[in-house]
Every structure is written in structure tokens, then in C-alpha cells.
Amino acid sequence: MRRPERVGEQLRAEIVQIVGYELEDPRVAMVTVTDVRMSENLREARVYFTVAGTDEEARSAHKALNHAAPYVRRQLATELSLRHAPQIFFIRDTVEEKAARVDALLQEITHDSPPPPGRAHAAAGEEGERMDEG
């Protein structure tokens, strides 16, 4: 594992603690930190997060996290032995939301469409064979 990835994992663990237990802003109560990606020179950290709730709650949480970024940076500087504490950029992670939307669409498609004709007959034929065996 390369150094930016190792440092990113350390930062993620610390940021989870800071956001989860130290920030008292109720807007970040439903925030989950999903990933931290470091720049090659370790000067910038992109912190990806998800929010359980509406789009409005997500926007509000994003605003609160951006406001808390200097505090998070200071806390990281004291907890980790890095030469320079990285600049923190919070980014909403929408991958899970998009995946949930795709799953919902796939479920809708499978429930709305009738089974293929060959499948229905094959299932009926199998039932008939089982009954004959009994």
C-alpha cells in the first residue's frame, strides 16, 4: 500500500472519531465517513461522506462539515504525527445512493415484466413430473 493510501486510512479513522463523537452539531448526526483520498504530496485530503436523510439534510450536513473543517484539521494535527496537517475537503459520496436507485429500478423491472414464455412452461412441466413421481 502506498503512503498516501496508508495516511488516508489513518485520517479516515481519526475523522470518523472526530465527526462521530466530538462535533456537537446536530446536522452531522447522520453522517458516515466512507473514504479519504490523499493527494500525492499529502497536503490535501478529500473526505467522502454519506448522509441518511433527505437532500436538504445532506446539504445542511455538508455545510456543517465545511464549517467544521478547520477544527477537524487542528484535531488531526494534534493526533497524527504529520509534518503538515492536510487541507480538508468534504465531498458527498453518492455512489451508494446511485446503487440503491439502480437496485430499485431493477426490482421494478423484474416485478413489472411477466416471466419469459419458456420459463413458465418449464416450471409447469417440472411440477407435473414431481406429481407423477409421488
Protein backbone atom coordinates (compact mmCIF):
# COMPACT_ATOMS: atom_id res chain seq x y z
CA MET A 1 0.00 0.00 0.00
CA ARG A 2 1.36 3.40 -0.96
CA ARG A 3 1.94 6.10 1.62
CA PRO A 4 -1.00 8.36 0.57
CA GLU A 5 -3.33 5.37 0.96
CA ARG A 6 -1.92 4.47 4.39
CA VAL A 7 -2.19 8.07 5.58
CA GLY A 8 -5.71 8.25 4.13
CA GLU A 9 -6.76 5.24 6.20
CA GLN A 10 -5.28 6.79 9.35
CA LEU A 11 -7.08 10.05 8.63
CA ARG A 12 -10.34 8.25 7.97
CA ALA A 13 -10.18 6.51 11.35
CA GLU A 14 -9.47 9.80 13.13
CA ILE A 15 -12.11 11.76 11.19
CA VAL A 16 -14.73 9.11 12.00
CA GLN A 17 -13.98 9.67 15.70
CA ILE A 18 -13.99 13.46 15.39
CA VAL A 19 -17.21 13.67 13.37
CA GLY A 20 -18.95 10.97 15.37
CA TYR A 21 -18.00 11.98 18.89
CA GLU A 22 -16.51 15.47 19.04
CA LEU A 23 -18.67 17.59 16.75
CA GLU A 24 -21.77 18.69 18.60
CA ASP A 25 -23.61 20.00 15.56
CA PRO A 26 -26.88 18.05 15.17
CA ARG A 27 -26.66 18.42 11.40
CA VAL A 28 -23.80 15.89 11.29
CA ALA A 29 -25.55 13.28 13.45
CA MET A 30 -26.44 11.10 10.44
CA VAL A 31 -23.08 11.47 8.64
CA THR A 32 -20.97 8.43 7.78
CA VAL A 33 -17.41 8.94 6.54
CA THR A 34 -16.90 6.43 3.71
CA ASP A 35 -13.44 7.20 2.33
CA VAL A 36 -10.48 9.57 2.49
CA ARG A 37 -8.28 10.14 -0.53
CA MET A 38 -4.98 11.91 -0.10
CA SER A 39 -3.08 13.92 -2.67
CA GLU A 40 0.36 12.57 -3.58
CA ASN A 41 2.11 15.28 -1.53
CA LEU A 42 -0.22 14.63 1.47
CA ARG A 43 -1.29 18.30 1.54
CA GLU A 44 -4.97 17.72 0.65
CA ALA A 45 -7.50 15.19 1.90
CA ARG A 46 -10.80 14.60 0.16
CA VAL A 47 -13.18 13.18 2.75
CA TYR A 48 -16.16 11.36 1.24
CA PHE A 49 -19.31 11.03 3.33
CA THR A 50 -22.91 9.86 3.11
CA VAL A 51 -25.93 11.18 4.96
CA ALA A 52 -29.01 9.22 5.91
CA GLY A 53 -31.88 11.56 5.14
CA THR A 54 -33.23 13.94 2.56
CA ASP A 55 -31.26 16.01 0.07
CA GLU A 56 -31.90 19.07 2.23
CA GLU A 57 -30.44 17.31 5.28
CA ALA A 58 -27.44 16.26 3.18
CA ARG A 59 -26.85 19.85 2.05
CA SER A 60 -27.14 21.04 5.64
CA ALA A 61 -24.68 18.37 6.84
CA HIS A 62 -22.25 19.30 4.06
CA LYS A 63 -22.41 22.93 5.12
CA ALA A 64 -21.79 21.96 8.76
CA LEU A 65 -18.83 19.76 7.81
CA ASN A 66 -17.27 22.52 5.73
CA HIS A 67 -17.68 24.86 8.68
CA ALA A 68 -16.00 22.29 10.98
CA ALA A 69 -13.12 21.56 8.55
CA PRO A 70 -10.60 23.88 10.30
CA TYR A 71 -11.40 22.23 13.65
CA VAL A 72 -11.03 18.76 12.13
CA ARG A 73 -7.70 19.80 10.63
CA ARG A 74 -6.41 21.07 14.00
CA GLN A 75 -7.50 17.85 15.71
CA LEU A 76 -5.73 15.78 13.06
CA ALA A 77 -2.58 17.82 13.53
CA THR A 78 -2.52 17.02 17.24
CA GLU A 79 -3.44 13.32 16.86
CA LEU A 80 -1.23 12.33 13.92
CA SER A 81 2.46 12.94 13.52
CA LEU A 82 2.39 14.52 10.07
CA ARG A 83 4.72 17.28 9.02
CA HIS A 84 1.76 19.26 7.69
CA ALA A 85 -1.89 18.74 8.52
CA PRO A 86 -3.72 18.35 5.20
CA GLN A 87 -6.34 20.74 3.93
CA ILE A 88 -9.71 19.00 4.39
CA PHE A 89 -12.33 18.94 1.63
CA PHE A 90 -15.65 17.24 2.39
CA ILE A 91 -17.36 15.66 -0.62
CA ARG A 92 -20.75 13.98 -0.59
CA ASP A 93 -20.44 10.35 -1.64
CA THR A 94 -23.40 9.47 -3.86
CA VAL A 95 -22.22 6.03 -5.01
CA GLU A 96 -24.42 4.20 -2.50
CA GLU A 97 -27.43 6.35 -3.38
CA LYS A 98 -26.94 5.64 -7.08
CA ALA A 99 -26.52 1.92 -6.41
CA ALA A 100 -29.74 1.90 -4.37
CA ARG A 101 -31.54 3.65 -7.23
CA VAL A 102 -30.26 1.07 -9.74
CA ASP A 103 -31.37 -1.76 -7.41
CA ALA A 104 -34.81 -0.21 -7.09
CA LEU A 105 -35.12 0.12 -10.87
CA LEU A 106 -34.04 -3.49 -11.38
CA GLN A 107 -36.59 -4.66 -8.80
CA GLU A 108 -39.26 -2.63 -10.57
CA ILE A 109 -38.36 -4.18 -13.91
CA THR A 110 -38.44 -7.75 -12.60
CA HIS A 111 -41.78 -7.23 -10.84
CA ASP A 112 -43.44 -5.48 -13.79
CA SER A 113 -42.43 -7.86 -16.55
CA PRO A 114 -44.03 -11.30 -16.97
CA PRO A 115 -41.73 -14.35 -16.92
CA PRO A 116 -40.39 -15.46 -20.30
CA PRO A 117 -42.72 -17.96 -22.04
CA GLY A 118 -40.22 -20.83 -21.95
CA ARG A 119 -39.71 -20.48 -18.22
CA ALA A 120 -43.39 -20.66 -17.34
CA HIS A 121 -43.87 -23.90 -19.31
CA ALA A 122 -40.69 -25.45 -17.92
CA ALA A 123 -41.83 -24.74 -14.36
CA ALA A 124 -45.25 -26.26 -15.05
CA GLY A 125 -43.63 -29.34 -16.62
CA GLU A 126 -41.39 -29.84 -13.60
CA GLU A 127 -44.40 -29.67 -11.28
CA GLY A 128 -46.16 -32.31 -13.39
CA GLU A 129 -43.14 -34.63 -13.21
CA ARG A 130 -42.94 -34.30 -9.42
CA MET A 131 -46.61 -35.14 -9.04
CA ASP A 132 -46.21 -38.26 -11.22
CA GLU A 133 -43.31 -39.48 -9.04
CA GLY A 134 -45.32 -39.25 -5.81
